[in-house]
Protein backbone atom coordinates (compact mmCIF):
# COMPACT_ATOMS: atom_id res chain seq x y z
CA UNK A 1 0.00 0.00 0.00
CA UNK A 2 1.81 3.10 -1.21
CA UNK A 3 0.61 6.51 -0.17
CA UNK A 4 0.57 9.12 -2.89
CA UNK A 5 3.75 11.15 -3.06
CA UNK A 6 5.65 8.75 -0.81
CA UNK A 7 8.08 6.09 -1.93
CA UNK A 8 7.82 3.83 1.12
CA UNK A 9 5.03 1.90 2.71
CA UNK A 10 3.99 1.99 6.34
CA UNK A 11 5.27 -1.16 8.08
CA UNK A 12 2.70 -3.68 9.32
CA UNK A 13 1.84 -3.37 12.99
CA UNK A 14 2.90 -6.57 14.81
CA UNK A 15 0.25 -8.50 16.74
CA UNK A 16 -0.13 -7.57 20.42
CA UNK A 17 1.78 -4.34 20.08
CA UNK A 18 1.29 -0.61 20.46
CA UNK A 19 2.48 1.71 17.71
CA UNK A 20 3.75 5.20 18.34
CA UNK A 21 4.52 7.42 15.38
CA UNK A 22 7.20 10.06 15.77
CA UNK A 23 7.02 13.02 13.36
CA UNK A 24 10.23 14.86 14.05
CA UNK A 25 11.45 18.14 12.57
CA UNK A 26 15.01 17.44 13.70
CA UNK A 27 17.17 14.41 14.49
CA UNK A 28 17.68 13.24 18.06
CA UNK A 29 20.85 11.55 19.36
CA UNK A 30 18.95 8.93 21.38
CA UNK A 31 15.69 7.07 20.80
CA UNK A 32 14.91 6.47 24.49
CA UNK A 33 14.66 10.18 25.39
CA UNK A 34 12.19 11.13 22.65
CA UNK A 35 10.22 7.87 22.91
CA UNK A 36 9.72 8.25 26.68
CA UNK A 37 8.34 11.78 26.13
CA UNK A 38 6.08 10.56 23.32
CA UNK A 39 4.67 7.74 25.48
CA UNK A 40 3.90 10.15 28.32
CA UNK A 41 2.07 12.55 26.00
CA UNK A 42 -0.10 9.95 24.18
CA UNK A 43 -3.58 8.99 25.44
CA UNK A 44 -4.26 5.63 23.79
CA UNK A 45 -2.45 3.31 26.20
CA UNK A 46 -2.65 4.20 29.90
CA UNK A 47 -0.07 1.57 30.95
CA UNK A 48 2.55 3.01 28.62
CA UNK A 49 1.53 6.59 29.45
CA UNK A 50 2.38 6.04 33.12
CA UNK A 51 5.35 3.69 32.61
CA UNK A 52 8.25 4.11 35.04
CA UNK A 53 11.82 4.68 33.83
CA UNK A 54 12.77 1.20 35.10
CA UNK A 55 9.89 -0.47 33.22
CA UNK A 56 10.74 1.62 30.15
CA UNK A 57 14.40 0.50 30.18
CA UNK A 58 13.20 -3.10 30.51
CA UNK A 59 11.30 -2.77 27.21
CA UNK A 60 14.64 -2.26 25.47
CA UNK A 61 16.52 -4.99 27.36
CA UNK A 62 13.71 -7.46 26.59
CA UNK A 63 13.83 -6.41 22.91
CA UNK A 64 10.20 -5.28 22.94
CA UNK A 65 10.84 -1.98 21.10
CA UNK A 66 11.01 -2.35 17.33
CA UNK A 67 11.48 -0.12 14.31
CA UNK A 68 10.57 -1.76 10.97
CA UNK A 69 10.53 -5.17 12.65
CA UNK A 70 14.08 -4.77 13.97
CA UNK A 71 14.99 -4.52 17.64
CA UNK A 72 15.66 -0.90 18.55
CA UNK A 73 18.40 0.20 20.91
CA UNK A 74 17.87 2.94 23.50
CA UNK A 75 20.98 4.76 22.33
CA UNK A 76 20.10 4.63 18.63
CA UNK A 77 19.89 8.02 16.93
CA UNK A 78 16.53 8.99 15.40
CA UNK A 79 16.41 10.87 12.09
CA UNK A 80 14.05 13.70 11.35
CA UNK A 81 10.85 12.76 9.54
CA UNK A 82 8.40 9.99 10.40
CA UNK A 83 9.47 6.96 12.43
CA UNK A 84 7.08 4.12 13.34
CA UNK A 85 7.95 2.46 16.63
CA UNK A 86 6.20 -0.70 17.80
CA UNK A 87 6.21 -1.75 21.44
CA UNK A 88 5.41 -5.43 21.92
CA UNK A 89 2.96 -5.85 24.76
PDB file of N, CA and C in Angstrom:
ATOM      1  N   UNK A   1       0.849  -1.186   0.000  1.00  0.00           N
ATOM      2  CA  UNK A   1       0.000   0.000   0.000  1.00  0.00           C
ATOM      3  C   UNK A   1       0.882   1.233   0.000  1.00  0.00           C
ATOM      4  N   UNK A   2       1.028   1.875  -1.126  1.00  0.00           N
ATOM      5  CA  UNK A   2       1.815   3.101  -1.214  1.00  0.00           C
ATOM      6  C   UNK A   2       0.900   4.300  -1.064  1.00  0.00           C
ATOM      7  N   UNK A   3       1.365   5.271  -0.315  1.00  0.00           N
ATOM      8  CA  UNK A   3       0.609   6.505  -0.174  1.00  0.00           C
ATOM      9  C   UNK A   3       1.085   7.457  -1.255  1.00  0.00           C
ATOM     10  N   UNK A   4       0.185   8.240  -1.790  1.00  0.00           N
ATOM     11  CA  UNK A   4       0.573   9.117  -2.892  1.00  0.00           C
ATOM     12  C   UNK A   4       1.677  10.077  -2.464  1.00  0.00           C
ATOM     13  N   UNK A   5       2.656  10.237  -3.330  1.00  0.00           N
ATOM     14  CA  UNK A   5       3.754  11.146  -3.056  1.00  0.00           C
ATOM     15  C   UNK A   5       4.835  10.571  -2.159  1.00  0.00           C
ATOM     16  N   UNK A   6       4.645   9.351  -1.683  1.00  0.00           N
ATOM     17  CA  UNK A   6       5.646   8.745  -0.815  1.00  0.00           C
ATOM     18  C   UNK A   6       6.184   7.492  -1.481  1.00  0.00           C
ATOM     19  N   UNK A   7       7.474   7.235  -1.257  1.00  0.00           N
ATOM     20  CA  UNK A   7       8.082   6.091  -1.925  1.00  0.00           C
ATOM     21  C   UNK A   7       8.290   4.915  -0.972  1.00  0.00           C
ATOM     22  N   UNK A   8       7.691   4.962   0.195  1.00  0.00           N
ATOM     23  CA  UNK A   8       7.815   3.832   1.125  1.00  0.00           C
ATOM     24  C   UNK A   8       6.439   3.489   1.654  1.00  0.00           C
ATOM     25  N   UNK A   9       6.318   2.267   2.143  1.00  0.00           N
ATOM     26  CA  UNK A   9       5.033   1.897   2.709  1.00  0.00           C
ATOM     27  C   UNK A   9       5.138   1.840   4.230  1.00  0.00           C
ATOM     28  N   UNK A  10       4.019   2.032   4.885  1.00  0.00           N
ATOM     29  CA  UNK A  10       3.991   1.993   6.342  1.00  0.00           C
ATOM     30  C   UNK A  10       4.120   0.536   6.767  1.00  0.00           C
ATOM     31  N   UNK A  11       5.080   0.239   7.659  1.00  0.00           N
ATOM     32  CA  UNK A  11       5.266  -1.156   8.078  1.00  0.00           C
ATOM     33  C   UNK A  11       4.022  -1.708   8.779  1.00  0.00           C
ATOM     34  N   UNK A  12       3.809  -3.012   8.633  1.00  0.00           N
ATOM     35  CA  UNK A  12       2.701  -3.683   9.318  1.00  0.00           C
ATOM     36  C   UNK A  12       2.876  -3.547  10.829  1.00  0.00           C
ATOM     37  N   UNK A  13       1.774  -3.422  11.535  1.00  0.00           N
ATOM     38  CA  UNK A  13       1.836  -3.374  12.993  1.00  0.00           C
ATOM     39  C   UNK A  13       1.840  -4.812  13.508  1.00  0.00           C
ATOM     40  N   UNK A  14       2.867  -5.198  14.284  1.00  0.00           N
ATOM     41  CA  UNK A  14       2.898  -6.573  14.812  1.00  0.00           C
ATOM     42  C   UNK A  14       1.704  -6.844  15.733  1.00  0.00           C
ATOM     43  N   UNK A  15       1.329  -8.109  15.828  1.00  0.00           N
ATOM     44  CA  UNK A  15       0.252  -8.497  16.738  1.00  0.00           C
ATOM     45  C   UNK A  15       0.641  -8.177  18.168  1.00  0.00           C
ATOM     46  N   UNK A  16      -0.352  -7.854  18.997  1.00  0.00           N
ATOM     47  CA  UNK A  16      -0.131  -7.567  20.419  1.00  0.00           C
ATOM     48  C   UNK A  16       0.954  -6.515  20.626  1.00  0.00           C
ATOM     49  N   UNK A  17       0.815  -5.408  19.916  1.00  0.00           N
ATOM     50  CA  UNK A  17       1.784  -4.336  20.081  1.00  0.00           C
ATOM     51  C   UNK A  17       1.069  -2.989  20.065  1.00  0.00           C
ATOM     52  N   UNK A  18       1.788  -1.977  20.476  1.00  0.00           N
ATOM     53  CA  UNK A  18       1.287  -0.607  20.460  1.00  0.00           C
ATOM     54  C   UNK A  18       2.218   0.198  19.576  1.00  0.00           C
ATOM     55  N   UNK A  19       1.651   0.920  18.618  1.00  0.00           N
ATOM     56  CA  UNK A  19       2.478   1.715  17.708  1.00  0.00           C
ATOM     57  C   UNK A  19       2.452   3.172  18.124  1.00  0.00           C
ATOM     58  N   UNK A  20       3.635   3.754  18.137  1.00  0.00           N
ATOM     59  CA  UNK A  20       3.751   5.198  18.338  1.00  0.00           C
ATOM     60  C   UNK A  20       4.471   5.746  17.117  1.00  0.00           C
ATOM     61  N   UNK A  21       3.947   6.814  16.571  1.00  0.00           N
ATOM     62  CA  UNK A  21       4.524   7.424  15.381  1.00  0.00           C
ATOM     63  C   UNK A  21       5.191   8.735  15.782  1.00  0.00           C
ATOM     64  N   UNK A  22       6.476   8.830  15.492  1.00  0.00           N
ATOM     65  CA  UNK A  22       7.203  10.063  15.774  1.00  0.00           C
ATOM     66  C   UNK A  22       7.324  10.859  14.479  1.00  0.00           C
ATOM     67  N   UNK A  23       6.840  12.095  14.484  1.00  0.00           N
ATOM     68  CA  UNK A  23       7.020  13.018  13.358  1.00  0.00           C
ATOM     69  C   UNK A  23       7.951  14.110  13.847  1.00  0.00           C
ATOM     70  N   UNK A  24       9.209  13.981  13.485  1.00  0.00           N
ATOM     71  CA  UNK A  24      10.235  14.860  14.049  1.00  0.00           C
ATOM     72  C   UNK A  24      10.741  15.864  13.015  1.00  0.00           C
ATOM     73  N   UNK A  25      10.908  17.103  13.448  1.00  0.00           N
ATOM     74  CA  UNK A  25      11.446  18.136  12.568  1.00  0.00           C
ATOM     75  C   UNK A  25      12.967  18.140  12.590  1.00  0.00           C
ATOM     76  N   UNK A  26      13.556  17.522  13.598  1.00  0.00           N
ATOM     77  CA  UNK A  26      15.014  17.441  13.700  1.00  0.00           C
ATOM     78  C   UNK A  26      15.402  16.042  14.149  1.00  0.00           C
ATOM     79  N   UNK A  27      16.674  15.706  14.016  1.00  0.00           N
ATOM     80  CA  UNK A  27      17.172  14.411  14.492  1.00  0.00           C
ATOM     81  C   UNK A  27      17.418  14.491  15.989  1.00  0.00           C
ATOM     82  N   UNK A  28      17.387  13.336  16.629  1.00  0.00           N
ATOM     83  CA  UNK A  28      17.683  13.242  18.057  1.00  0.00           C
ATOM     84  C   UNK A  28      18.794  12.208  18.243  1.00  0.00           C
ATOM     85  N   UNK A  29      19.723  12.475  19.190  1.00  0.00           N
ATOM     86  CA  UNK A  29      20.854  11.554  19.364  1.00  0.00           C
ATOM     87  C   UNK A  29      20.473  10.210  19.974  1.00  0.00           C
ATOM     88  N   UNK A  30      19.355  10.177  20.715  1.00  0.00           N
ATOM     89  CA  UNK A  30      18.951   8.930  21.378  1.00  0.00           C
ATOM     90  C   UNK A  30      17.450   8.697  21.225  1.00  0.00           C
ATOM     91  N   UNK A  31      17.092   7.457  20.922  1.00  0.00           N
ATOM     92  CA  UNK A  31      15.686   7.074  20.799  1.00  0.00           C
ATOM     93  C   UNK A  31      14.967   7.111  22.141  1.00  0.00           C
ATOM     94  N   UNK A  32      15.615   6.619  23.211  1.00  0.00           N
ATOM     95  CA  UNK A  32      14.913   6.473  24.490  1.00  0.00           C
ATOM     96  C   UNK A  32      14.357   7.801  25.012  1.00  0.00           C
ATOM     97  N   UNK A  33      15.104   8.885  24.864  1.00  0.00           N
ATOM     98  CA  UNK A  33      14.655  10.180  25.387  1.00  0.00           C
ATOM     99  C   UNK A  33      13.361  10.628  24.716  1.00  0.00           C
ATOM    100  N   UNK A  34      13.356  10.638  23.388  1.00  0.00           N
ATOM    101  CA  UNK A  34      12.194  11.130  22.648  1.00  0.00           C
ATOM    102  C   UNK A  34      11.019  10.155  22.748  1.00  0.00           C
ATOM    103  N   UNK A  35      11.293   8.858  22.805  1.00  0.00           N
ATOM    104  CA  UNK A  35      10.220   7.869  22.913  1.00  0.00           C
ATOM    105  C   UNK A  35       9.535   7.952  24.275  1.00  0.00           C
ATOM    106  N   UNK A  36      10.302   8.142  25.340  1.00  0.00           N
ATOM    107  CA  UNK A  36       9.718   8.251  26.680  1.00  0.00           C
ATOM    108  C   UNK A  36       8.774   9.452  26.742  1.00  0.00           C
ATOM    109  N   UNK A  37       9.201  10.580  26.176  1.00  0.00           N
ATOM    110  CA  UNK A  37       8.345  11.777  26.134  1.00  0.00           C
ATOM    111  C   UNK A  37       7.078  11.511  25.325  1.00  0.00           C
ATOM    112  N   UNK A  38       7.231  10.839  24.194  1.00  0.00           N
ATOM    113  CA  UNK A  38       6.078  10.558  23.324  1.00  0.00           C
ATOM    114  C   UNK A  38       5.074   9.641  24.023  1.00  0.00           C
ATOM    115  N   UNK A  39       5.573   8.647  24.765  1.00  0.00           N
ATOM    116  CA  UNK A  39       4.673   7.739  25.484  1.00  0.00           C
ATOM    117  C   UNK A  39       3.906   8.482  26.570  1.00  0.00           C
ATOM    118  N   UNK A  40       4.567   9.399  27.254  1.00  0.00           N
ATOM    119  CA  UNK A  40       3.900  10.148  28.320  1.00  0.00           C
ATOM    120  C   UNK A  40       2.848  11.111  27.778  1.00  0.00           C
ATOM    121  N   UNK A  41       3.015  11.569  26.541  1.00  0.00           N
ATOM    122  CA  UNK A  41       2.071  12.549  25.999  1.00  0.00           C
ATOM    123  C   UNK A  41       0.923  11.914  25.208  1.00  0.00           C
ATOM    124  N   UNK A  42       0.993  10.610  24.917  1.00  0.00           N
ATOM    125  CA  UNK A  42      -0.100   9.945  24.179  1.00  0.00           C
ATOM    126  C   UNK A  42      -1.224   9.561  25.146  1.00  0.00           C
ATOM    127  N   UNK A  43      -2.423   9.322  24.600  1.00  0.00           N
ATOM    128  CA  UNK A  43      -3.581   8.994  25.437  1.00  0.00           C
ATOM    129  C   UNK A  43      -4.274   7.695  25.038  1.00  0.00           C
ATOM    130  N   UNK A  44      -3.611   6.852  24.240  1.00  0.00           N
ATOM    131  CA  UNK A  44      -4.258   5.626  23.786  1.00  0.00           C
ATOM    132  C   UNK A  44      -3.939   4.412  24.648  1.00  0.00           C
ATOM    133  N   UNK A  45      -2.830   4.454  25.375  1.00  0.00           N
ATOM    134  CA  UNK A  45      -2.447   3.311  26.201  1.00  0.00           C
ATOM    135  C   UNK A  45      -2.019   3.824  27.574  1.00  0.00           C
ATOM    136  N   UNK A  46      -2.909   3.663  28.557  1.00  0.00           N
ATOM    137  CA  UNK A  46      -2.648   4.202  29.902  1.00  0.00           C
ATOM    138  C   UNK A  46      -1.439   3.559  30.567  1.00  0.00           C
ATOM    139  N   UNK A  47      -1.224   2.245  30.329  1.00  0.00           N
ATOM    140  CA  UNK A  47      -0.075   1.572  30.947  1.00  0.00           C
ATOM    141  C   UNK A  47       1.236   2.183  30.463  1.00  0.00           C
ATOM    142  N   UNK A  48       1.321   2.430  29.149  1.00  0.00           N
ATOM    143  CA  UNK A  48       2.548   3.009  28.615  1.00  0.00           C
ATOM    144  C   UNK A  48       2.656   4.498  28.937  1.00  0.00           C
ATOM    145  N   UNK A  49       1.522   5.171  29.101  1.00  0.00           N
ATOM    146  CA  UNK A  49       1.534   6.594  29.447  1.00  0.00           C
ATOM    147  C   UNK A  49       2.161   6.801  30.823  1.00  0.00           C
ATOM    148  N   UNK A  50       1.894   5.879  31.740  1.00  0.00           N
ATOM    149  CA  UNK A  50       2.378   6.036  33.118  1.00  0.00           C
ATOM    150  C   UNK A  50       3.557   5.107  33.432  1.00  0.00           C
ATOM    151  N   UNK A  51       4.256   4.634  32.406  1.00  0.00           N
ATOM    152  CA  UNK A  51       5.354   3.689  32.606  1.00  0.00           C
ATOM    153  C   UNK A  51       6.501   4.351  33.392  1.00  0.00           C
ATOM    154  N   UNK A  52       7.111   3.587  34.276  1.00  0.00           N
ATOM    155  CA  UNK A  52       8.251   4.108  35.038  1.00  0.00           C
ATOM    156  C   UNK A  52       9.513   3.996  34.179  1.00  0.00           C
ATOM    157  N   UNK A  53      10.539   4.729  34.566  1.00  0.00           N
ATOM    158  CA  UNK A  53      11.818   4.679  33.828  1.00  0.00           C
ATOM    159  C   UNK A  53      12.385   3.256  33.851  1.00  0.00           C
ATOM    160  N   UNK A  54      12.247   2.567  34.976  1.00  0.00           N
ATOM    161  CA  UNK A  54      12.771   1.198  35.096  1.00  0.00           C
ATOM    162  C   UNK A  54      12.019   0.265  34.144  1.00  0.00           C
ATOM    163  N   UNK A  55      10.686   0.366  34.135  1.00  0.00           N
ATOM    164  CA  UNK A  55       9.891  -0.468  33.219  1.00  0.00           C
ATOM    165  C   UNK A  55      10.219  -0.122  31.762  1.00  0.00           C
ATOM    166  N   UNK A  56      10.425   1.155  31.502  1.00  0.00           N
ATOM    167  CA  UNK A  56      10.736   1.616  30.146  1.00  0.00           C
ATOM    168  C   UNK A  56      12.065   1.025  29.673  1.00  0.00           C
ATOM    169  N   UNK A  57      13.086   1.076  30.528  1.00  0.00           N
ATOM    170  CA  UNK A  57      14.396   0.498  30.177  1.00  0.00           C
ATOM    171  C   UNK A  57      14.270  -0.993  29.897  1.00  0.00           C
ATOM    172  N   UNK A  58      13.398  -1.662  30.669  1.00  0.00           N
ATOM    173  CA  UNK A  58      13.196  -3.097  30.512  1.00  0.00           C
ATOM    174  C   UNK A  58      12.633  -3.439  29.125  1.00  0.00           C
ATOM    175  N   UNK A  59      11.821  -2.542  28.556  1.00  0.00           N
ATOM    176  CA  UNK A  59      11.296  -2.771  27.207  1.00  0.00           C
ATOM    177  C   UNK A  59      12.438  -2.946  26.208  1.00  0.00           C
ATOM    178  N   UNK A  60      13.486  -2.154  26.371  1.00  0.00           N
ATOM    179  CA  UNK A  60      14.642  -2.257  25.467  1.00  0.00           C
ATOM    180  C   UNK A  60      15.452  -3.516  25.754  1.00  0.00           C
ATOM    181  N   UNK A  61      15.692  -3.814  27.039  1.00  0.00           N
ATOM    182  CA  UNK A  61      16.516  -4.990  27.362  1.00  0.00           C
ATOM    183  C   UNK A  61      15.807  -6.285  26.967  1.00  0.00           C
ATOM    184  N   UNK A  62      14.480  -6.281  26.992  1.00  0.00           N
ATOM    185  CA  UNK A  62      13.709  -7.465  26.589  1.00  0.00           C
ATOM    186  C   UNK A  62      13.408  -7.465  25.088  1.00  0.00           C
ATOM    187  N   UNK A  63      13.993  -6.517  24.363  1.00  0.00           N
ATOM    188  CA  UNK A  63      13.827  -6.408  22.910  1.00  0.00           C
ATOM    189  C   UNK A  63      12.354  -6.303  22.505  1.00  0.00           C
ATOM    190  N   UNK A  64      11.612  -5.461  23.235  1.00  0.00           N
ATOM    191  CA  UNK A  64      10.196  -5.275  22.944  1.00  0.00           C
ATOM    192  C   UNK A  64       9.918  -3.954  22.235  1.00  0.00           C
ATOM    193  N   UNK A  65      10.987  -3.216  21.867  1.00  0.00           N
ATOM    194  CA  UNK A  65      10.838  -1.979  21.103  1.00  0.00           C
ATOM    195  C   UNK A  65      11.412  -2.247  19.717  1.00  0.00           C
ATOM    196  N   UNK A  66      10.587  -2.030  18.696  1.00  0.00           N
ATOM    197  CA  UNK A  66      11.012  -2.349  17.329  1.00  0.00           C
ATOM    198  C   UNK A  66      10.754  -1.182  16.382  1.00  0.00           C
ATOM    199  N   UNK A  67      11.666  -1.052  15.417  1.00  0.00           N
ATOM    200  CA  UNK A  67      11.484  -0.123  14.307  1.00  0.00           C
ATOM    201  C   UNK A  67      11.622  -0.966  13.041  1.00  0.00           C
ATOM    202  N   UNK A  68      10.590  -0.955  12.206  1.00  0.00           N
ATOM    203  CA  UNK A  68      10.574  -1.759  10.971  1.00  0.00           C
ATOM    204  C   UNK A  68      10.884  -3.221  11.243  1.00  0.00           C
ATOM    205  N   UNK A  69      10.356  -3.761  12.326  1.00  0.00           N
ATOM    206  CA  UNK A  69      10.531  -5.171  12.645  1.00  0.00           C
ATOM    207  C   UNK A  69      11.890  -5.524  13.234  1.00  0.00           C
ATOM    208  N   UNK A  70      12.759  -4.533  13.399  1.00  0.00           N
ATOM    209  CA  UNK A  70      14.085  -4.770  13.971  1.00  0.00           C
ATOM    210  C   UNK A  70      14.109  -4.267  15.415  1.00  0.00           C
ATOM    211  N   UNK A  71      14.863  -4.958  16.257  1.00  0.00           N
ATOM    212  CA  UNK A  71      14.985  -4.517  17.637  1.00  0.00           C
ATOM    213  C   UNK A  71      15.683  -3.162  17.683  1.00  0.00           C
ATOM    214  N   UNK A  72      15.088  -2.246  18.431  1.00  0.00           N
ATOM    215  CA  UNK A  72      15.657  -0.903  18.554  1.00  0.00           C
ATOM    216  C   UNK A  72      16.504  -0.823  19.820  1.00  0.00           C
ATOM    217  N   UNK A  73      17.542  -0.018  19.752  1.00  0.00           N
ATOM    218  CA  UNK A  73      18.397   0.201  20.912  1.00  0.00           C
ATOM    219  C   UNK A  73      18.096   1.577  21.494  1.00  0.00           C
ATOM    220  N   UNK A  74      18.167   1.673  22.822  1.00  0.00           N
ATOM    221  CA  UNK A  74      17.870   2.938  23.504  1.00  0.00           C
ATOM    222  C   UNK A  74      18.773   4.057  23.011  1.00  0.00           C
ATOM    223  N   UNK A  75      20.021   3.723  22.723  1.00  0.00           N
ATOM    224  CA  UNK A  75      20.982   4.757  22.333  1.00  0.00           C
ATOM    225  C   UNK A  75      21.036   5.014  20.825  1.00  0.00           C
ATOM    226  N   UNK A  76      20.129   4.405  20.074  1.00  0.00           N
ATOM    227  CA  UNK A  76      20.103   4.633  18.625  1.00  0.00           C
ATOM    228  C   UNK A  76      19.685   6.070  18.321  1.00  0.00           C
ATOM    229  N   UNK A  77      20.338   6.689  17.338  1.00  0.00           N
ATOM    230  CA  UNK A  77      19.887   8.021  16.926  1.00  0.00           C
ATOM    231  C   UNK A  77      18.587   7.906  16.124  1.00  0.00           C
ATOM    232  N   UNK A  78      17.796   8.968  16.137  1.00  0.00           N
ATOM    233  CA  UNK A  78      16.532   8.995  15.397  1.00  0.00           C
ATOM    234  C   UNK A  78      16.608  10.142  14.401  1.00  0.00           C
ATOM    235  N   UNK A  79      16.364   9.842  13.133  1.00  0.00           N
ATOM    236  CA  UNK A  79      16.411  10.871  12.090  1.00  0.00           C
ATOM    237  C   UNK A  79      15.147  11.712  12.106  1.00  0.00           C
ATOM    238  N   UNK A  80      15.233  12.875  11.498  1.00  0.00           N
ATOM    239  CA  UNK A  80      14.047  13.703  11.350  1.00  0.00           C
ATOM    240  C   UNK A  80      13.099  12.999  10.372  1.00  0.00           C
ATOM    241  N   UNK A  81      11.844  13.409  10.380  1.00  0.00           N
ATOM    242  CA  UNK A  81      10.846  12.763   9.538  1.00  0.00           C
ATOM    243  C   UNK A  81       9.963  11.856  10.379  1.00  0.00           C
ATOM    244  N   UNK A  82       9.340  10.883   9.726  1.00  0.00           N
ATOM    245  CA  UNK A  82       8.396   9.987  10.404  1.00  0.00           C
ATOM    246  C   UNK A  82       9.055   8.667  10.721  1.00  0.00           C
ATOM    247  N   UNK A  83       8.940   8.248  11.981  1.00  0.00           N
ATOM    248  CA  UNK A  83       9.466   6.959  12.427  1.00  0.00           C
ATOM    249  C   UNK A  83       8.335   6.209  13.125  1.00  0.00           C
ATOM    250  N   UNK A  84       8.117   4.970  12.727  1.00  0.00           N
ATOM    251  CA  UNK A  84       7.078   4.121  13.344  1.00  0.00           C
ATOM    252  C   UNK A  84       7.763   3.194  14.335  1.00  0.00           C
ATOM    253  N   UNK A  85       7.356   3.275  15.588  1.00  0.00           N
ATOM    254  CA  UNK A  85       7.945   2.460  16.635  1.00  0.00           C
ATOM    255  C   UNK A  85       6.858   1.558  17.201  1.00  0.00           C
ATOM    256  N   UNK A  86       7.154   0.259  17.257  1.00  0.00           N
ATOM    257  CA  UNK A  86       6.200  -0.704  17.803  1.00  0.00           C
ATOM    258  C   UNK A  86       6.726  -1.228  19.136  1.00  0.00           C
ATOM    259  N   UNK A  87       5.856  -1.215  20.132  1.00  0.00           N
ATOM    260  CA  UNK A  87       6.212  -1.747  21.441  1.00  0.00           C
ATOM    261  C   UNK A  87       5.389  -3.015  21.626  1.00  0.00           C
ATOM    262  N   UNK A  88       6.088  -4.140  21.753  1.00  0.00           N
ATOM    263  CA  UNK A  88       5.412  -5.431  21.919  1.00  0.00           C
ATOM    264  C   UNK A  88       4.881  -5.522  23.339  1.00  0.00           C
ATOM    265  N   UNK A  89       3.601  -5.832  23.442  1.00  0.00           N
ATOM    266  CA  UNK A  89       2.956  -5.849  24.763  1.00  0.00           C
ATOM    267  C   UNK A  89       2.997  -7.224  25.394  1.00  0.00           C
TER     268      UNK A  89
END
